[in-house]
C-alpha cells in the first residue's frame, strides 16, 4: 500500500504522472497475465 501512495497523491496535480501511473498499472496487469499463462502452459507439459 505504501508503494502506491506517492503515485496516487500526485495524480490530481499532474496529468503526466497520471498517465505514467496508468501505464505502470497496465504493465503490471500484462506481466501478471503472462505469468499466469506461463504457469498454465508449464502445468500442461
PDB file of N, CA and C in Angstrom:
ATOM      1  N   UNK A   1       0.839  -1.209   0.000  1.00  0.00           N
ATOM      2  CA  UNK A   1       0.000   0.000   0.000  1.00  0.00           C
ATOM      3  C   UNK A   1       0.866   1.248   0.000  1.00  0.00           C
ATOM      4  N   UNK A   2       1.917   1.243   0.796  1.00  0.00           N
ATOM      5  CA  UNK A   2       2.788   2.418   0.898  1.00  0.00           C
ATOM      6  C   UNK A   2       3.505   2.695  -0.417  1.00  0.00           C
ATOM      7  N   UNK A   3       3.702   1.646  -1.240  1.00  0.00           N
ATOM      8  CA  UNK A   3       4.380   1.827  -2.521  1.00  0.00           C
ATOM      9  C   UNK A   3       3.548   2.664  -3.494  1.00  0.00           C
ATOM     10  N   UNK A   4       2.229   2.572  -3.383  1.00  0.00           N
ATOM     11  CA  UNK A   4       1.336   3.279  -4.304  1.00  0.00           C
ATOM     12  C   UNK A   4       1.007   4.693  -3.835  1.00  0.00           C
ATOM     13  N   UNK A   5       1.252   5.003  -2.583  1.00  0.00           N
ATOM     14  CA  UNK A   5       0.841   6.286  -2.029  1.00  0.00           C
ATOM     15  C   UNK A   5       1.435   7.489  -2.755  1.00  0.00           C
ATOM     16  N   UNK A   6       2.738   7.512  -3.052  1.00  0.00           N
ATOM     17  CA  UNK A   6       3.298   8.666  -3.755  1.00  0.00           C
ATOM     18  C   UNK A   6       2.644   8.878  -5.121  1.00  0.00           C
ATOM     19  N   UNK A   7       2.441   7.783  -5.836  1.00  0.00           N
ATOM     20  CA  UNK A   7       1.822   7.869  -7.153  1.00  0.00           C
ATOM     21  C   UNK A   7       0.413   8.444  -7.060  1.00  0.00           C
ATOM     22  N   UNK A   8      -0.390   7.900  -6.164  1.00  0.00           N
ATOM     23  CA  UNK A   8      -1.772   8.346  -6.033  1.00  0.00           C
ATOM     24  C   UNK A   8      -1.873   9.795  -5.575  1.00  0.00           C
ATOM     25  N   UNK A   9      -0.931  10.235  -4.747  1.00  0.00           N
ATOM     26  CA  UNK A   9      -1.017  11.588  -4.198  1.00  0.00           C
ATOM     27  C   UNK A   9      -0.722  12.663  -5.242  1.00  0.00           C
ATOM     28  N   UNK A  10      -0.025  12.280  -6.321  1.00  0.00           N
ATOM     29  CA  UNK A  10       0.322  13.268  -7.348  1.00  0.00           C
ATOM     30  C   UNK A  10      -0.626  13.270  -8.544  1.00  0.00           C
ATOM     31  N   UNK A  11      -1.559  12.333  -8.582  1.00  0.00           N
ATOM     32  CA  UNK A  11      -2.445  12.224  -9.744  1.00  0.00           C
ATOM     33  C   UNK A  11      -3.202  13.523 -10.009  1.00  0.00           C
ATOM     34  N   UNK A  12      -3.726  14.149  -8.978  1.00  0.00           N
ATOM     35  CA  UNK A  12      -4.534  15.351  -9.150  1.00  0.00           C
ATOM     36  C   UNK A  12      -3.712  16.524  -9.682  1.00  0.00           C
ATOM     37  N   UNK A  13      -2.425  16.564  -9.343  1.00  0.00           N
ATOM     38  CA  UNK A  13      -1.608  17.718  -9.706  1.00  0.00           C
ATOM     39  C   UNK A  13      -0.884  17.559 -11.037  1.00  0.00           C
ATOM     40  N   UNK A  14      -0.826  16.349 -11.582  1.00  0.00           N
ATOM     41  CA  UNK A  14      -0.047  16.151 -12.799  1.00  0.00           C
ATOM     42  C   UNK A  14      -0.654  15.111 -13.734  1.00  0.00           C
ATOM     43  N   UNK A  15      -1.201  15.562 -14.858  1.00  0.00           N
ATOM     44  CA  UNK A  15      -1.746  14.634 -15.855  1.00  0.00           C
ATOM     45  C   UNK A  15      -0.678  13.676 -16.377  1.00  0.00           C
ATOM     46  N   UNK A  16       0.565  14.163 -16.486  1.00  0.00           N
ATOM     47  CA  UNK A  16       1.652  13.321 -16.977  1.00  0.00           C
ATOM     48  C   UNK A  16       1.909  12.172 -16.006  1.00  0.00           C
ATOM     49  N   UNK A  17       1.920  12.477 -14.709  1.00  0.00           N
ATOM     50  CA  UNK A  17       2.111  11.422 -13.717  1.00  0.00           C
ATOM     51  C   UNK A  17       0.940  10.455 -13.716  1.00  0.00           C
ATOM     52  N   UNK A  18      -0.267  10.987 -13.974  1.00  0.00           N
ATOM     53  CA  UNK A  18      -1.442  10.115 -14.045  1.00  0.00           C
ATOM     54  C   UNK A  18      -1.283   9.120 -15.184  1.00  0.00           C
ATOM     55  N   UNK A  19      -0.770   9.604 -16.322  1.00  0.00           N
ATOM     56  CA  UNK A  19      -0.543   8.728 -17.466  1.00  0.00           C
ATOM     57  C   UNK A  19       0.497   7.667 -17.135  1.00  0.00           C
ATOM     58  N   UNK A  20       1.583   8.102 -16.496  1.00  0.00           N
ATOM     59  CA  UNK A  20       2.652   7.169 -16.127  1.00  0.00           C
ATOM     60  C   UNK A  20       2.122   6.101 -15.164  1.00  0.00           C
ATOM     61  N   UNK A  21       1.329   6.519 -14.190  1.00  0.00           N
ATOM     62  CA  UNK A  21       0.760   5.573 -13.229  1.00  0.00           C
ATOM     63  C   UNK A  21      -0.154   4.580 -13.937  1.00  0.00           C
ATOM     64  N   UNK A  22      -0.933   5.081 -14.892  1.00  0.00           N
ATOM     65  CA  UNK A  22      -1.845   4.210 -15.626  1.00  0.00           C
ATOM     66  C   UNK A  22      -1.069   3.192 -16.443  1.00  0.00           C
ATOM     67  N   UNK A  23      -0.020   3.643 -17.124  1.00  0.00           N
ATOM     68  CA  UNK A  23       0.787   2.737 -17.932  1.00  0.00           C
ATOM     69  C   UNK A  23       1.491   1.712 -17.057  1.00  0.00           C
ATOM     70  N   UNK A  24       1.948   2.160 -15.881  1.00  0.00           N
ATOM     71  CA  UNK A  24       2.620   1.249 -14.953  1.00  0.00           C
ATOM     72  C   UNK A  24       1.652   0.174 -14.481  1.00  0.00           C
ATOM     73  N   UNK A  25       0.404   0.564 -14.231  1.00  0.00           N
ATOM     74  CA  UNK A  25      -0.611  -0.390 -13.783  1.00  0.00           C
ATOM     75  C   UNK A  25      -0.937  -1.380 -14.901  1.00  0.00           C
ATOM     76  N   UNK A  26      -1.046  -0.892 -16.135  1.00  0.00           N
ATOM     77  CA  UNK A  26      -1.322  -1.764 -17.275  1.00  0.00           C
ATOM     78  C   UNK A  26      -0.181  -2.762 -17.470  1.00  0.00           C
ATOM     79  N   UNK A  27       1.056  -2.275 -17.345  1.00  0.00           N
ATOM     80  CA  UNK A  27       2.211  -3.154 -17.482  1.00  0.00           C
ATOM     81  C   UNK A  27       2.196  -4.243 -16.414  1.00  0.00           C
ATOM     82  N   UNK A  28       1.775  -3.864 -15.208  1.00  0.00           N
ATOM     83  CA  UNK A  28       1.668  -4.828 -14.105  1.00  0.00           C
ATOM     84  C   UNK A  28       0.625  -5.905 -14.420  1.00  0.00           C
ATOM     85  N   UNK A  29      -0.518  -5.488 -14.959  1.00  0.00           N
ATOM     86  CA  UNK A  29      -1.571  -6.447 -15.294  1.00  0.00           C
ATOM     87  C   UNK A  29      -1.123  -7.388 -16.406  1.00  0.00           C
ATOM     88  N   UNK A  30      -0.439  -6.830 -17.428  1.00  0.00           N
ATOM     89  CA  UNK A  30       0.059  -7.640 -18.532  1.00  0.00           C
ATOM     90  C   UNK A  30       1.086  -8.643 -18.024  1.00  0.00           C
ATOM     91  N   UNK A  31       1.968  -8.180 -17.147  1.00  0.00           N
ATOM     92  CA  UNK A  31       3.002  -9.053 -16.586  1.00  0.00           C
ATOM     93  C   UNK A  31       2.363 -10.212 -15.819  1.00  0.00           C
ATOM     94  N   UNK A  32       1.326  -9.914 -15.050  1.00  0.00           N
ATOM     95  CA  UNK A  32       0.611 -10.961 -14.313  1.00  0.00           C
ATOM     96  C   UNK A  32      -0.067 -11.940 -15.264  1.00  0.00           C
ATOM     97  N   UNK A  33      -0.637 -11.411 -16.342  1.00  0.00           N
ATOM     98  CA  UNK A  33      -1.316 -12.265 -17.310  1.00  0.00           C
ATOM     99  C   UNK A  33      -0.335 -13.229 -17.967  1.00  0.00           C
ATOM    100  N   UNK A  34       0.851 -12.730 -18.329  1.00  0.00           N
ATOM    101  CA  UNK A  34       1.857 -13.586 -18.929  1.00  0.00           C
ATOM    102  C   UNK A  34       2.350 -14.633 -17.946  1.00  0.00           C
ATOM    103  N   UNK A  35       2.539 -14.228 -16.698  1.00  0.00           N
ATOM    104  CA  UNK A  35       3.000 -15.168 -15.677  1.00  0.00           C
ATOM    105  C   UNK A  35       1.967 -16.282 -15.483  1.00  0.00           C
ATOM    106  N   UNK A  36       0.702 -15.914 -15.499  1.00  0.00           N
ATOM    107  CA  UNK A  36      -0.359 -16.906 -15.331  1.00  0.00           C
ATOM    108  C   UNK A  36      -0.421 -17.836 -16.534  1.00  0.00           C
ATOM    109  N   UNK A  37      -0.266 -17.268 -17.729  1.00  0.00           N
ATOM    110  CA  UNK A  37      -0.272 -18.080 -18.948  1.00  0.00           C
ATOM    111  C   UNK A  37       0.904 -19.057 -18.950  1.00  0.00           C
ATOM    112  N   UNK A  38       2.057 -18.591 -18.509  1.00  0.00           N
ATOM    113  CA  UNK A  38       3.232 -19.465 -18.437  1.00  0.00           C
ATOM    114  C   UNK A  38       3.007 -20.602 -17.445  1.00  0.00           C
ATOM    115  N   UNK A  39       2.379 -20.285 -16.313  1.00  0.00           N
ATOM    116  CA  UNK A  39       2.112 -21.312 -15.305  1.00  0.00           C
ATOM    117  C   UNK A  39       1.150 -22.370 -15.858  1.00  0.00           C
ATOM    118  N   UNK A  40       0.140 -21.930 -16.596  1.00  0.00           N
ATOM    119  CA  UNK A  40      -0.827 -22.858 -17.195  1.00  0.00           C
ATOM    120  C   UNK A  40      -0.131 -23.739 -18.235  1.00  0.00           C
ATOM    121  N   UNK A  41       0.699 -23.099 -19.063  1.00  0.00           N
ATOM    122  CA  UNK A  41       1.426 -23.845 -20.099  1.00  0.00           C
ATOM    123  C   UNK A  41       2.354 -24.872 -19.478  1.00  0.00           C
ATOM    124  N   UNK A  42       3.069 -24.463 -18.457  1.00  0.00           N
ATOM    125  CA  UNK A  42       4.010 -25.372 -17.802  1.00  0.00           C
ATOM    126  C   UNK A  42       3.300 -26.543 -17.136  1.00  0.00           C
ATOM    127  N   UNK A  43       2.111 -26.314 -16.595  1.00  0.00           N
ATOM    128  CA  UNK A  43       1.390 -27.381 -15.912  1.00  0.00           C
ATOM    129  C   UNK A  43       0.854 -28.420 -16.912  1.00  0.00           C
ATOM    130  N   UNK A  44       0.666 -28.009 -18.160  1.00  0.00           N
ATOM    131  CA  UNK A  44       0.159 -28.932 -19.184  1.00  0.00           C
ATOM    132  C   UNK A  44       1.274 -29.780 -19.779  1.00  0.00           C
ATOM    133  N   UNK A  45       2.510 -29.296 -19.701  1.00  0.00           N
ATOM    134  CA  UNK A  45       3.632 -30.019 -20.322  1.00  0.00           C
ATOM    135  C   UNK A  45       4.058 -31.224 -19.509  1.00  0.00           C
TER     136      UNK A  45
END
